[in-house]
Structure formats: structure tokens, C-alpha cells
Amino acid sequence: MTRRLTLLLGLVTAMSLVIAPAAAAHGSTPHPFPSRIDLPDGFAPEGITSGTPTPWPGAKTLYVGSIADGAIWKGNAKTGTGKILVPGVSGRSALGLHLDWRGRLWVAGGDDAAIRVYNARTGALLKEYPFPTAGFVNDLVVTSRAIYATDSINQQLLVVPLGKHGGLLDPSKVKTVPLTGDISYGAGFNANGIVSRAGWLVIVQTNTGKLFRVNPWTGVTKAIDTHGADLLNGDGLLLRGSRLYVVRNIDDKVAVVTLSRRLTSARLIRVITSSSLDVPTTATFAAGRLYVVNARFGVADPTTTAHYWISRLRP
């Protein structure tokens, strides 16, 4: 009996060594990504992007810019923690953001009429590109040849050419390209969000809710047939394959449309809503999740005690 009991206990112990790790693996739950990430009080955010200084699939680093003073916040989408990467400077603004493949963070300067580029790891300012004729530098996109930015007041495209291997050129090399064709500027904010696809640019006009395909060389625009989709107050754009996410700021919605191969038409797939949205402006994907930043335009004391946050949405 004693020998049998000893063998049985030995068998149970051996089984526990095999089963316990497997049970622990199956029973463990991964750390959940927070549905809301708080930003510093009074930060007044507008632009958001994601990636890492050395891009890799599943990157979860978020960058958010302040329209109040040009500060840049850098945080972790998984933990929700972050800190100021670029301190604010009076007279500066940070709107649309884009992280390039060389670990550089490009920033649209809003009404200070400039585009700036920072080291995404250290926050050091690498170059500033002024555009004296710009009305409001709202959003931008980085391609292999140049950075293209929208001007929401003056009917033009702002261009920062890149040198060999993506090198930064002298500020004197910047240029503007008039926007012609189907687009027509009116009162309020016009061209806003911008993305790049297959050698073309796609922009949204905030005050009309129209999408346009743009030739980056000539500035000629062609209206994209949206088949009646409501994209009014379209702000930031985010492209994933053929799916275009259109952030509709004061409507507290994100419209998702699918673009045709030639970028001549778009059809509405769905509209994303959430109680956590409060004037969302721009969006990004990080670690396979959709994040939007809430600008909360019109909130009292926007740069002192107002609360701001990033919302995670189901894409």
C-alpha cells in the first residue's frame, strides 16, 4: 500500500509539472489595452500618429501634438503612460503628424505657417520649413519623394521635397502647388486630412464633406464619387489598404469608406460612434487598434485645466 501510494503521488507530481504550465498559459489573460488614454490637462491636442523611431509591425508608440504651443506628447498604447517629448513654445502649433521610415516626426504648424521635423526618439528639432504664403498648415503626409501638406485657407498644396535617400534639403527648396480642377475653396476650413496611395494624394474638404484625388505634381484635383456618404466636417484621414477612415470632428463620428482602385469612387461601409468621443480630429492605428484624439474644440479654459484624452475604438 505504501509503495502504491508513493507511486501515485509521484505520478500526480509529474503530471502537475506538465499540466500546470499549460494551464497557466491558457488561463493567463494578456494585459488589456486601455480604452482611454489621458493626456496632460490643458494640452489641447489635434494631431496623432504612431510607430517607432525604428518601425516594426505592431508598434504601439503614440505621438500627439498640441495646437496650443506645438508640444509633442509620446506615449505607450498598451500601458497608457507617456511624457512630453517636445516642450511647447509660445507661438507654435502642432496639428497633423506623420512618422517617416527614418525615425523622423513631421509636424504641420497650423497658423504659424511652417512644417517642422523632429527626431522621434530625442525630440530634437532637425529642420523647420516656413511657408510665407500659407494660410493654415493643417495636415501632411510623407512619401518617398516629398512631404505634402494641406493649406485649409489658401487653395494650394505645400511641398517639402526630400533629397537622396530621404535627406533633408535646405528650406529654400520648398514649393507650393496651386490646387485646380474640381475643388473650389469657400468660407471656413477647406482641404484638411491628406493621405497617399498609388502615386496619388487623397484629401477631404471639411466645409463640403467632399473627397478629392490629387495629382501631387500638378495639383489637379478630381472629385471622388462618395455615392451620397455624409463626410461633412471631415478632418483627419487614415488609410488602411483600400479602407479610408474619415474623422468627422464636431459630429463625433468616424466614417469608414472603401476606395476604388483608381480612386474615383468611395462607398460607405460603416460609421463608428462612441460615447468617449468629444470632437475627434485625427486617427491612427497602433498594434492593430484604432485610436483617435479628442480636440474638444470650444471647451472652457482649453489650455489650463481642461481634460483631454485619446479614445480607442473598434476599427
C-alpha atoms as a PDB file:
ATOM      1  CA  MET A   1       0.000   0.000   0.000  1.00  0.00           C
ATOM      2  CA  THR A   2       2.797   2.387   0.898  1.00  0.00           C
ATOM      3  CA  ARG A   3       4.634   1.632  -2.342  1.00  0.00           C
ATOM      4  CA  ARG A   4       1.429   2.147  -4.353  1.00  0.00           C
ATOM      5  CA  LEU A   5       0.753   5.472  -2.604  1.00  0.00           C
ATOM      6  CA  THR A   6       4.304   6.600  -3.299  1.00  0.00           C
ATOM      7  CA  LEU A   7       3.957   5.770  -6.998  1.00  0.00           C
ATOM      8  CA  LEU A   8       0.598   7.552  -7.190  1.00  0.00           C
ATOM      9  CA  LEU A   9       1.984  10.688  -5.578  1.00  0.00           C
ATOM     10  CA  GLY A  10       4.932  10.596  -7.944  1.00  0.00           C
ATOM     11  CA  LEU A  11       2.603  10.314 -10.934  1.00  0.00           C
ATOM     12  CA  VAL A  12       0.459  13.241  -9.743  1.00  0.00           C
ATOM     13  CA  THR A  13       3.581  15.347  -9.218  1.00  0.00           C
ATOM     14  CA  ALA A  14       4.881  14.553 -12.701  1.00  0.00           C
ATOM     15  CA  MET A  15       1.509  15.338 -14.256  1.00  0.00           C
ATOM     16  CA  SER A  16       1.340  18.652 -12.397  1.00  0.00           C
ATOM     17  CA  LEU A  17       4.709  19.627 -13.838  1.00  0.00           C
ATOM     18  CA  VAL A  18       3.391  19.022 -17.339  1.00  0.00           C
ATOM     19  CA  ILE A  19      -0.130  20.353 -16.943  1.00  0.00           C
ATOM     20  CA  ALA A  20       0.438  23.354 -14.695  1.00  0.00           C
ATOM     21  CA  PRO A  21       2.426  25.431 -17.182  1.00  0.00           C
ATOM     22  CA  ALA A  22      -0.095  24.686 -19.923  1.00  0.00           C
ATOM     23  CA  ALA A  23      -2.983  25.636 -17.655  1.00  0.00           C
ATOM     24  CA  ALA A  24      -1.208  28.794 -16.658  1.00  0.00           C
ATOM     25  CA  ALA A  25      -0.647  29.670 -20.302  1.00  0.00           C
ATOM     26  CA  HIS A  26      -4.288  29.108 -21.196  1.00  0.00           C
ATOM     27  CA  GLY A  27      -5.595  30.759 -18.056  1.00  0.00           C
ATOM     28  CA  SER A  28      -3.446  33.874 -18.292  1.00  0.00           C
ATOM     29  CA  THR A  29      -5.022  36.985 -19.777  1.00  0.00           C
ATOM     30  CA  PRO A  30      -2.939  39.463 -21.743  1.00  0.00           C
ATOM     31  CA  HIS A  31      -2.639  42.997 -20.391  1.00  0.00           C
ATOM     32  CA  PRO A  32      -5.625  44.836 -21.882  1.00  0.00           C
ATOM     33  CA  PHE A  33      -5.016  47.983 -23.879  1.00  0.00           C
ATOM     34  CA  PRO A  34      -6.800  50.885 -22.135  1.00  0.00           C
ATOM     35  CA  SER A  35      -9.867  52.221 -23.919  1.00  0.00           C
ATOM     36  CA  ARG A  36      -8.947  55.758 -22.863  1.00  0.00           C
ATOM     37  CA  ILE A  37      -5.513  57.325 -22.527  1.00  0.00           C
ATOM     38  CA  ASP A  38      -5.380  60.602 -20.648  1.00  0.00           C
ATOM     39  CA  LEU A  39      -3.241  63.456 -21.910  1.00  0.00           C
ATOM     40  CA  PRO A  40      -1.869  66.280 -19.728  1.00  0.00           C
ATOM     41  CA  ASP A  41      -4.532  68.752 -18.611  1.00  0.00           C
ATOM     42  CA  GLY A  42      -4.631  71.783 -20.879  1.00  0.00           C
ATOM     43  CA  PHE A  43      -2.674  70.014 -23.632  1.00  0.00           C
ATOM     44  CA  ALA A  44      -5.174  70.955 -26.388  1.00  0.00           C
ATOM     45  CA  PRO A  45      -4.376  68.089 -28.806  1.00  0.00           C
ATOM     46  CA  GLU A  46      -5.124  67.960 -32.526  1.00  0.00           C
ATOM     47  CA  GLY A  47      -2.856  65.524 -34.386  1.00  0.00           C
ATOM     48  CA  ILE A  48      -1.933  61.905 -33.666  1.00  0.00           C
ATOM     49  CA  THR A  49       0.314  59.336 -35.305  1.00  0.00           C
ATOM     50  CA  SER A  50       2.005  56.103 -34.263  1.00  0.00           C
ATOM     51  CA  GLY A  51       5.028  53.928 -34.892  1.00  0.00           C
ATOM     52  CA  THR A  52       8.542  53.743 -33.506  1.00  0.00           C
ATOM     53  CA  PRO A  53      11.771  55.513 -34.394  1.00  0.00           C
ATOM     54  CA  THR A  54      12.684  52.155 -35.970  1.00  0.00           C
ATOM     55  CA  PRO A  55       9.335  50.973 -37.404  1.00  0.00           C
ATOM     56  CA  TRP A  56       8.237  47.387 -36.787  1.00  0.00           C
ATOM     57  CA  PRO A  57       4.899  45.551 -37.128  1.00  0.00           C
ATOM     58  CA  GLY A  58       2.679  46.004 -34.096  1.00  0.00           C
ATOM     59  CA  ALA A  59       4.341  49.222 -32.989  1.00  0.00           C
ATOM     60  CA  LYS A  60       2.446  50.763 -30.086  1.00  0.00           C
ATOM     61  CA  THR A  61       4.101  54.160 -29.603  1.00  0.00           C
ATOM     62  CA  LEU A  62       1.729  57.125 -29.956  1.00  0.00           C
ATOM     63  CA  TYR A  63       2.620  60.731 -30.734  1.00  0.00           C
ATOM     64  CA  VAL A  64       0.176  63.600 -30.131  1.00  0.00           C
ATOM     65  CA  GLY A  65       0.669  67.277 -30.969  1.00  0.00           C
ATOM     66  CA  SER A  66      -0.681  70.343 -29.175  1.00  0.00           C
ATOM     67  CA  ILE A  67      -2.396  73.073 -31.148  1.00  0.00           C
ATOM     68  CA  ALA A  68      -1.770  75.464 -28.248  1.00  0.00           C
ATOM     69  CA  ASP A  69       2.044  75.594 -28.230  1.00  0.00           C
ATOM     70  CA  GLY A  70       3.433  72.905 -30.544  1.00  0.00           C
ATOM     71  CA  ALA A  71       4.310  70.462 -27.760  1.00  0.00           C
ATOM     72  CA  ILE A  72       4.566  66.757 -28.649  1.00  0.00           C
ATOM     73  CA  TRP A  73       3.454  64.022 -26.241  1.00  0.00           C
ATOM     74  CA  LYS A  74       4.822  60.495 -26.652  1.00  0.00           C
ATOM     75  CA  GLY A  75       3.128  57.520 -25.041  1.00  0.00           C
ATOM     76  CA  ASN A  76       2.586  53.770 -24.978  1.00  0.00           C
ATOM     77  CA  ALA A  77      -0.742  52.492 -26.309  1.00  0.00           C
ATOM     78  CA  LYS A  78      -0.532  49.318 -24.216  1.00  0.00           C
ATOM     79  CA  THR A  79       0.149  50.929 -20.850  1.00  0.00           C
ATOM     80  CA  GLY A  80      -1.410  54.345 -21.446  1.00  0.00           C
ATOM     81  CA  THR A  81       1.628  56.051 -19.951  1.00  0.00           C
ATOM     82  CA  GLY A  82       3.553  58.841 -21.655  1.00  0.00           C
ATOM     83  CA  LYS A  83       5.519  62.061 -21.331  1.00  0.00           C
ATOM     84  CA  ILE A  84       6.282  65.277 -23.171  1.00  0.00           C
ATOM     85  CA  LEU A  85       8.829  64.621 -25.929  1.00  0.00           C
ATOM     86  CA  VAL A  86       8.956  68.154 -27.339  1.00  0.00           C
ATOM     87  CA  PRO A  87       8.251  71.023 -24.919  1.00  0.00           C
ATOM     88  CA  GLY A  88       5.800  73.683 -26.046  1.00  0.00           C
ATOM     89  CA  VAL A  89       6.954  77.020 -27.417  1.00  0.00           C
ATOM     90  CA  SER A  90       4.808  80.146 -27.444  1.00  0.00           C
ATOM     91  CA  GLY A  91       3.651  80.961 -30.962  1.00  0.00           C
ATOM     92  CA  ARG A  92       3.923  77.405 -32.272  1.00  0.00           C
ATOM     93  CA  SER A  93       1.230  74.856 -33.107  1.00  0.00           C
ATOM     94  CA  ALA A  94       1.287  71.141 -33.874  1.00  0.00           C
ATOM     95  CA  LEU A  95      -1.545  69.734 -35.969  1.00  0.00           C
ATOM     96  CA  GLY A  96      -1.147  66.868 -38.426  1.00  0.00           C
ATOM     97  CA  LEU A  97       1.705  64.455 -37.573  1.00  0.00           C
ATOM     98  CA  HIS A  98       3.460  61.777 -39.608  1.00  0.00           C
ATOM     99  CA  LEU A  99       6.333  59.483 -38.609  1.00  0.00           C
ATOM    100  CA  ASP A 100       8.583  58.540 -41.524  1.00  0.00           C
ATOM    101  CA  TRP A 101      10.689  55.435 -42.129  1.00  0.00           C
ATOM    102  CA  ARG A 102      13.854  57.165 -40.884  1.00  0.00           C
ATOM    103  CA  GLY A 103      12.507  57.860 -37.392  1.00  0.00           C
ATOM    104  CA  ARG A 104      11.630  61.484 -38.099  1.00  0.00           C
ATOM    105  CA  LEU A 105       8.419  63.089 -36.916  1.00  0.00           C
ATOM    106  CA  TRP A 106       6.891  65.612 -39.345  1.00  0.00           C
ATOM    107  CA  VAL A 107       4.553  68.236 -37.917  1.00  0.00           C
ATOM    108  CA  ALA A 108       2.128  70.645 -39.599  1.00  0.00           C
ATOM    109  CA  GLY A 109       2.353  74.052 -37.928  1.00  0.00           C
ATOM    110  CA  GLY A 110      -1.174  75.411 -38.364  1.00  0.00           C
ATOM    111  CA  ASP A 111      -1.357  79.193 -38.414  1.00  0.00           C
ATOM    112  CA  ASP A 112       2.366  79.616 -37.738  1.00  0.00           C
ATOM    113  CA  ALA A 113       2.778  78.685 -41.432  1.00  0.00           C
ATOM    114  CA  ALA A 114       5.555  76.128 -41.143  1.00  0.00           C
ATOM    115  CA  ILE A 115       6.355  72.425 -41.289  1.00  0.00           C
ATOM    116  CA  ARG A 116       8.802  71.080 -38.709  1.00  0.00           C
ATOM    117  CA  VAL A 117      10.636  67.789 -38.473  1.00  0.00           C
ATOM    118  CA  TYR A 118      11.909  66.271 -35.220  1.00  0.00           C
ATOM    119  CA  ASN A 119      13.979  63.318 -34.152  1.00  0.00           C
ATOM    120  CA  ALA A 120      11.218  60.974 -32.944  1.00  0.00           C
ATOM    121  CA  ARG A 121      13.482  59.433 -30.307  1.00  0.00           C
ATOM    122  CA  THR A 122      15.054  62.516 -28.739  1.00  0.00           C
ATOM    123  CA  GLY A 123      12.608  65.247 -29.714  1.00  0.00           C
ATOM    124  CA  ALA A 124      15.387  67.375 -31.208  1.00  0.00           C
ATOM    125  CA  LEU A 125      14.266  69.794 -33.924  1.00  0.00           C
ATOM    126  CA  LEU A 126      16.014  68.779 -37.148  1.00  0.00           C
ATOM    127  CA  LYS A 127      14.639  71.360 -39.581  1.00  0.00           C
ATOM    128  CA  GLU A 128      11.954  73.984 -39.955  1.00  0.00           C
ATOM    129  CA  TYR A 129      10.370  74.762 -43.317  1.00  0.00           C
ATOM    130  CA  PRO A 130       8.474  78.083 -43.424  1.00  0.00           C
ATOM    131  CA  PHE A 131       5.723  78.782 -45.966  1.00  0.00           C
ATOM    132  CA  PRO A 132       5.157  82.557 -46.003  1.00  0.00           C
ATOM    133  CA  THR A 133       2.086  82.322 -48.253  1.00  0.00           C
ATOM    134  CA  ALA A 134       0.347  79.609 -46.220  1.00  0.00           C
ATOM    135  CA  GLY A 135      -2.920  80.407 -44.516  1.00  0.00           C
ATOM    136  CA  PHE A 136      -3.201  77.368 -42.227  1.00  0.00           C
ATOM    137  CA  VAL A 137      -0.930  74.304 -42.480  1.00  0.00           C
ATOM    138  CA  ASN A 138      -3.368  71.630 -41.356  1.00  0.00           C
ATOM    139  CA  ASP A 139      -2.258  68.098 -42.166  1.00  0.00           C
ATOM    140  CA  LEU A 140       0.525  66.297 -44.014  1.00  0.00           C
ATOM    141  CA  VAL A 141       1.640  63.004 -45.478  1.00  0.00           C
ATOM    142  CA  VAL A 142       5.141  61.664 -46.128  1.00  0.00           C
ATOM    143  CA  THR A 143       6.047  59.898 -49.384  1.00  0.00           C
ATOM    144  CA  SER A 144       9.402  58.658 -50.680  1.00  0.00           C
ATOM    145  CA  ARG A 145       9.877  61.877 -52.661  1.00  0.00           C
ATOM    146  CA  ALA A 146       8.333  64.652 -50.590  1.00  0.00           C
ATOM    147  CA  ILE A 147       6.115  65.788 -47.754  1.00  0.00           C
ATOM    148  CA  TYR A 148       2.753  67.146 -48.893  1.00  0.00           C
ATOM    149  CA  ALA A 149       0.640  69.343 -46.652  1.00  0.00           C
ATOM    150  CA  THR A 150      -2.802  70.870 -46.927  1.00  0.00           C
ATOM    151  CA  ASP A 151      -3.487  74.571 -46.569  1.00  0.00           C
ATOM    152  CA  SER A 152      -7.037  74.972 -45.281  1.00  0.00           C
ATOM    153  CA  ILE A 153      -7.287  78.684 -46.132  1.00  0.00           C
ATOM    154  CA  ASN A 154      -5.364  79.189 -49.387  1.00  0.00           C
ATOM    155  CA  GLN A 155      -6.064  76.913 -52.346  1.00  0.00           C
ATOM    156  CA  GLN A 156      -2.652  75.303 -52.638  1.00  0.00           C
ATOM    157  CA  LEU A 157      -0.586  72.259 -51.775  1.00  0.00           C
ATOM    158  CA  LEU A 158       2.553  72.766 -49.665  1.00  0.00           C
ATOM    159  CA  VAL A 159       5.536  70.638 -50.671  1.00  0.00           C
ATOM    160  CA  VAL A 160       8.812  69.818 -48.902  1.00  0.00           C
ATOM    161  CA  PRO A 161      10.981  67.828 -51.370  1.00  0.00           C
ATOM    162  CA  LEU A 162      13.283  65.157 -49.977  1.00  0.00           C
ATOM    163  CA  GLY A 163      16.865  64.630 -51.075  1.00  0.00           C
ATOM    164  CA  LYS A 164      18.738  61.449 -51.914  1.00  0.00           C
ATOM    165  CA  HIS A 165      17.844  58.595 -49.565  1.00  0.00           C
ATOM    166  CA  GLY A 166      15.271  60.854 -47.902  1.00  0.00           C
ATOM    167  CA  GLY A 167      17.755  63.509 -46.910  1.00  0.00           C
ATOM    168  CA  LEU A 168      16.573  66.836 -45.528  1.00  0.00           C
ATOM    169  CA  LEU A 169      17.039  69.681 -48.001  1.00  0.00           C
ATOM    170  CA  ASP A 170      17.517  73.372 -47.356  1.00  0.00           C
ATOM    171  CA  PRO A 171      14.286  75.260 -46.524  1.00  0.00           C
ATOM    172  CA  SER A 172      14.743  77.277 -49.725  1.00  0.00           C
ATOM    173  CA  LYS A 173      13.746  74.154 -51.707  1.00  0.00           C
ATOM    174  CA  VAL A 174      10.118  74.155 -50.531  1.00  0.00           C
ATOM    175  CA  LYS A 175       7.383  74.995 -53.020  1.00  0.00           C
ATOM    176  CA  THR A 176       3.661  75.482 -53.327  1.00  0.00           C
ATOM    177  CA  VAL A 177       1.432  73.936 -55.985  1.00  0.00           C
ATOM    178  CA  PRO A 178      -1.962  75.536 -56.768  1.00  0.00           C
ATOM    179  CA  LEU A 179      -4.928  73.194 -56.369  1.00  0.00           C
ATOM    180  CA  THR A 180      -7.001  73.248 -59.549  1.00  0.00           C
ATOM    181  CA  GLY A 181      -9.670  71.105 -61.158  1.00  0.00           C
ATOM    182  CA  ASP A 182     -12.797  70.113 -59.258  1.00  0.00           C
ATOM    183  CA  ILE A 183     -12.015  71.610 -55.853  1.00  0.00           C
ATOM    184  CA  SER A 184     -13.249  75.112 -55.017  1.00  0.00           C
ATOM    185  CA  TYR A 185     -12.419  76.819 -51.743  1.00  0.00           C
ATOM    186  CA  GLY A 186     -15.104  78.587 -49.746  1.00  0.00           C
ATOM    187  CA  ALA A 187     -15.579  80.110 -46.305  1.00  0.00           C
ATOM    188  CA  GLY A 188     -14.250  78.171 -43.335  1.00  0.00           C
ATOM    189  CA  PHE A 189     -11.800  75.257 -43.428  1.00  0.00           C
ATOM    190  CA  ASN A 190     -11.248  73.623 -46.784  1.00  0.00           C
ATOM    191  CA  ALA A 191      -8.590  70.995 -47.575  1.00  0.00           C
ATOM    192  CA  ASN A 192      -7.766  69.177 -44.372  1.00  0.00           C
ATOM    193  CA  GLY A 193      -6.833  65.497 -43.986  1.00  0.00           C
ATOM    194  CA  ILE A 194      -4.458  64.013 -46.569  1.00  0.00           C
ATOM    195  CA  VAL A 195      -3.177  60.523 -47.419  1.00  0.00           C
ATOM    196  CA  SER A 196      -1.130  58.985 -50.222  1.00  0.00           C
ATOM    197  CA  ARG A 197      -1.974  55.950 -52.361  1.00  0.00           C
ATOM    198  CA  ALA A 198      -0.531  54.559 -55.597  1.00  0.00           C
ATOM    199  CA  GLY A 199       1.190  57.810 -56.525  1.00  0.00           C
ATOM    200  CA  TRP A 200      -1.887  59.964 -55.861  1.00  0.00           C
ATOM    201  CA  LEU A 201      -2.976  62.050 -52.915  1.00  0.00           C
ATOM    202  CA  VAL A 202      -6.454  61.971 -51.387  1.00  0.00           C
ATOM    203  CA  ILE A 203      -7.774  64.959 -49.423  1.00  0.00           C
ATOM    204  CA  VAL A 204     -11.026  65.789 -47.661  1.00  0.00           C
ATOM    205  CA  GLN A 205     -12.635  69.233 -47.762  1.00  0.00           C
ATOM    206  CA  THR A 206     -14.026  69.944 -44.304  1.00  0.00           C
ATOM    207  CA  ASN A 207     -16.687  72.521 -45.174  1.00  0.00           C
ATOM    208  CA  THR A 208     -18.183  70.494 -48.053  1.00  0.00           C
ATOM    209  CA  GLY A 209     -17.544  66.902 -46.972  1.00  0.00           C
ATOM    210  CA  LYS A 210     -16.068  66.095 -50.394  1.00  0.00           C
ATOM    211  CA  LEU A 211     -13.145  63.804 -51.168  1.00  0.00           C
ATOM    212  CA  PHE A 212     -10.673  64.568 -53.951  1.00  0.00           C
ATOM    213  CA  ARG A 213      -7.948  62.671 -55.747  1.00  0.00           C
ATOM    214  CA  VAL A 214      -4.946  64.957 -56.298  1.00  0.00           C
ATOM    215  CA  ASN A 215      -2.062  64.762 -58.736  1.00  0.00           C
ATOM    216  CA  PRO A 216       0.919  65.647 -56.490  1.00  0.00           C
ATOM    217  CA  TRP A 217       2.924  67.036 -59.400  1.00  0.00           C
ATOM    218  CA  THR A 218       0.322  69.307 -60.974  1.00  0.00           C
ATOM    219  CA  GLY A 219      -2.181  69.934 -58.179  1.00  0.00           C
ATOM    220  CA  VAL A 220      -5.080  68.976 -60.451  1.00  0.00           C
ATOM    221  CA  THR A 221      -7.947  67.571 -58.381  1.00  0.00           C
ATOM    222  CA  LYS A 222     -10.767  65.232 -59.309  1.00  0.00           C
ATOM    223  CA  ALA A 223     -13.829  64.772 -57.098  1.00  0.00           C
ATOM    224  CA  ILE A 224     -14.258  61.239 -55.756  1.00  0.00           C
ATOM    225  CA  ASP A 225     -17.837  59.991 -56.057  1.00  0.00           C
ATOM    226  CA  THR A 226     -18.875  59.138 -52.491  1.00  0.00           C
ATOM    227  CA  HIS A 227     -22.371  57.941 -53.503  1.00  0.00           C
ATOM    228  CA  GLY A 228     -24.053  60.262 -51.032  1.00  0.00           C
ATOM    229  CA  ALA A 229     -21.951  59.380 -47.971  1.00  0.00           C
ATOM    230  CA  ASP A 230     -22.048  62.123 -45.338  1.00  0.00           C
ATOM    231  CA  LEU A 231     -18.455  63.234 -44.768  1.00  0.00           C
ATOM    232  CA  LEU A 232     -19.192  66.806 -43.697  1.00  0.00           C
ATOM    233  CA  ASN A 233     -16.706  68.162 -41.141  1.00  0.00           C
ATOM    234  CA  GLY A 234     -14.144  65.629 -42.316  1.00  0.00           C
ATOM    235  CA  ASP A 235     -10.854  66.263 -40.550  1.00  0.00           C
ATOM    236  CA  GLY A 236      -8.069  63.694 -40.343  1.00  0.00           C
ATOM    237  CA  LEU A 237      -7.813  60.827 -42.840  1.00  0.00           C
ATOM    238  CA  LEU A 238      -6.354  57.383 -42.195  1.00  0.00           C
ATOM    239  CA  LEU A 239      -5.794  54.833 -44.957  1.00  0.00           C
ATOM    240  CA  ARG A 240      -5.561  51.072 -44.404  1.00  0.00           C
ATOM    241  CA  GLY A 241      -5.419  49.226 -47.710  1.00  0.00           C
ATOM    242  CA  SER A 242      -8.481  50.385 -49.625  1.00  0.00           C
ATOM    243  CA  ARG A 243     -10.298  51.475 -46.466  1.00  0.00           C
ATOM    244  CA  LEU A 244     -10.299  55.171 -45.681  1.00  0.00           C
ATOM    245  CA  TYR A 245     -11.206  56.369 -42.191  1.00  0.00           C
ATOM    246  CA  VAL A 246     -12.649  59.900 -42.229  1.00  0.00           C
ATOM    247  CA  VAL A 247     -12.737  61.580 -38.797  1.00  0.00           C
ATOM    248  CA  ARG A 248     -15.764  63.919 -38.650  1.00  0.00           C
ATOM    249  CA  ASN A 249     -14.809  66.248 -35.830  1.00  0.00           C
ATOM    250  CA  ILE A 250     -17.863  68.109 -34.462  1.00  0.00           C
ATOM    251  CA  ASP A 251     -20.114  65.186 -35.452  1.00  0.00           C
ATOM    252  CA  ASP A 252     -18.209  62.846 -33.100  1.00  0.00           C
ATOM    253  CA  LYS A 253     -18.045  60.152 -35.773  1.00  0.00           C
ATOM    254  CA  VAL A 254     -15.544  58.247 -37.881  1.00  0.00           C
ATOM    255  CA  ALA A 255     -16.848  57.286 -41.315  1.00  0.00           C
ATOM    256  CA  VAL A 256     -15.256  54.265 -42.991  1.00  0.00           C
ATOM    257  CA  VAL A 257     -15.356  54.136 -46.789  1.00  0.00           C
ATOM    258  CA  THR A 258     -13.763  51.818 -49.306  1.00  0.00           C
ATOM    259  CA  LEU A 259     -11.914  53.418 -52.203  1.00  0.00           C
ATOM    260  CA  SER A 260     -11.965  52.114 -55.759  1.00  0.00           C
ATOM    261  CA  ARG A 261      -8.666  51.069 -57.316  1.00  0.00           C
ATOM    262  CA  ARG A 262      -8.417  54.235 -59.417  1.00  0.00           C
ATOM    263  CA  LEU A 263      -9.549  56.447 -56.534  1.00  0.00           C
ATOM    264  CA  THR A 264     -12.530  57.705 -58.481  1.00  0.00           C
ATOM    265  CA  SER A 265     -15.264  56.463 -56.141  1.00  0.00           C
ATOM    266  CA  ALA A 266     -15.825  55.579 -52.495  1.00  0.00           C
ATOM    267  CA  ARG A 267     -18.619  53.709 -50.757  1.00  0.00           C
ATOM    268  CA  LEU A 268     -19.587  53.970 -47.111  1.00  0.00           C
ATOM    269  CA  ILE A 269     -19.021  50.764 -45.134  1.00  0.00           C
ATOM    270  CA  ARG A 270     -19.882  51.867 -41.633  1.00  0.00           C
ATOM    271  CA  VAL A 271     -19.898  54.780 -39.202  1.00  0.00           C
ATOM    272  CA  ILE A 272     -18.057  54.439 -35.885  1.00  0.00           C
ATOM    273  CA  THR A 273     -19.542  56.222 -32.884  1.00  0.00           C
ATOM    274  CA  SER A 274     -18.658  56.171 -29.196  1.00  0.00           C
ATOM    275  CA  SER A 275     -19.642  57.999 -26.039  1.00  0.00           C
ATOM    276  CA  SER A 276     -15.929  58.644 -25.436  1.00  0.00           C
ATOM    277  CA  LEU A 277     -15.627  60.926 -28.478  1.00  0.00           C
ATOM    278  CA  ASP A 278     -15.561  64.692 -27.977  1.00  0.00           C
ATOM    279  CA  VAL A 279     -14.648  66.453 -31.228  1.00  0.00           C
ATOM    280  CA  PRO A 280     -12.185  63.864 -32.563  1.00  0.00           C
ATOM    281  CA  THR A 281      -9.777  65.276 -35.129  1.00  0.00           C
ATOM    282  CA  THR A 282      -7.279  62.659 -36.288  1.00  0.00           C
ATOM    283  CA  ALA A 283      -6.756  58.900 -36.080  1.00  0.00           C
ATOM    284  CA  THR A 284      -4.024  56.283 -36.181  1.00  0.00           C
ATOM    285  CA  PHE A 285      -3.555  52.531 -35.911  1.00  0.00           C
ATOM    286  CA  ALA A 286      -1.215  51.196 -33.217  1.00  0.00           C
ATOM    287  CA  ALA A 287      -0.713  47.492 -32.506  1.00  0.00           C
ATOM    288  CA  GLY A 288      -3.742  46.722 -34.681  1.00  0.00           C
ATOM    289  CA  ARG A 289      -6.029  49.057 -32.756  1.00  0.00           C
ATOM    290  CA  LEU A 290      -7.694  52.296 -33.834  1.00  0.00           C
ATOM    291  CA  TYR A 291      -7.011  55.437 -31.807  1.00  0.00           C
ATOM    292  CA  VAL A 292      -8.469  58.917 -32.197  1.00  0.00           C
ATOM    293  CA  VAL A 293      -7.530  62.074 -30.338  1.00  0.00           C
ATOM    294  CA  ASN A 294     -10.241  64.352 -28.940  1.00  0.00           C
ATOM    295  CA  ALA A 295      -9.591  68.055 -29.539  1.00  0.00           C
ATOM    296  CA  ARG A 296     -12.691  69.214 -27.627  1.00  0.00           C
ATOM    297  CA  PHE A 297     -12.886  72.469 -29.578  1.00  0.00           C
ATOM    298  CA  GLY A 298     -14.871  75.079 -27.679  1.00  0.00           C
ATOM    299  CA  VAL A 299     -14.186  73.690 -24.208  1.00  0.00           C
ATOM    300  CA  ALA A 300     -13.717  76.319 -21.481  1.00  0.00           C
ATOM    301  CA  ASP A 301     -10.136  77.154 -20.471  1.00  0.00           C
ATOM    302  CA  PRO A 302      -8.666  74.837 -23.138  1.00  0.00           C
ATOM    303  CA  THR A 303      -5.030  75.360 -22.170  1.00  0.00           C
ATOM    304  CA  THR A 304      -5.290  75.412 -18.396  1.00  0.00           C
ATOM    305  CA  THR A 305      -7.489  72.884 -16.617  1.00  0.00           C
ATOM    306  CA  ALA A 306      -9.390  71.150 -19.435  1.00  0.00           C
ATOM    307  CA  HIS A 307      -9.091  67.362 -19.627  1.00  0.00           C
ATOM    308  CA  TYR A 308      -8.050  65.710 -22.892  1.00  0.00           C
ATOM    309  CA  TRP A 309      -7.726  62.086 -23.926  1.00  0.00           C
ATOM    310  CA  ILE A 310      -7.206  59.532 -26.681  1.00  0.00           C
ATOM    311  CA  SER A 311     -10.029  57.087 -27.390  1.00  0.00           C
ATOM    312  CA  ARG A 312      -9.512  53.522 -28.568  1.00  0.00           C
ATOM    313  CA  LEU A 313     -12.225  52.433 -30.988  1.00  0.00           C
ATOM    314  CA  ARG A 314     -13.208  49.197 -32.647  1.00  0.00           C
ATOM    315  CA  PRO A 315     -11.998  49.533 -36.275  1.00  0.00           C
END
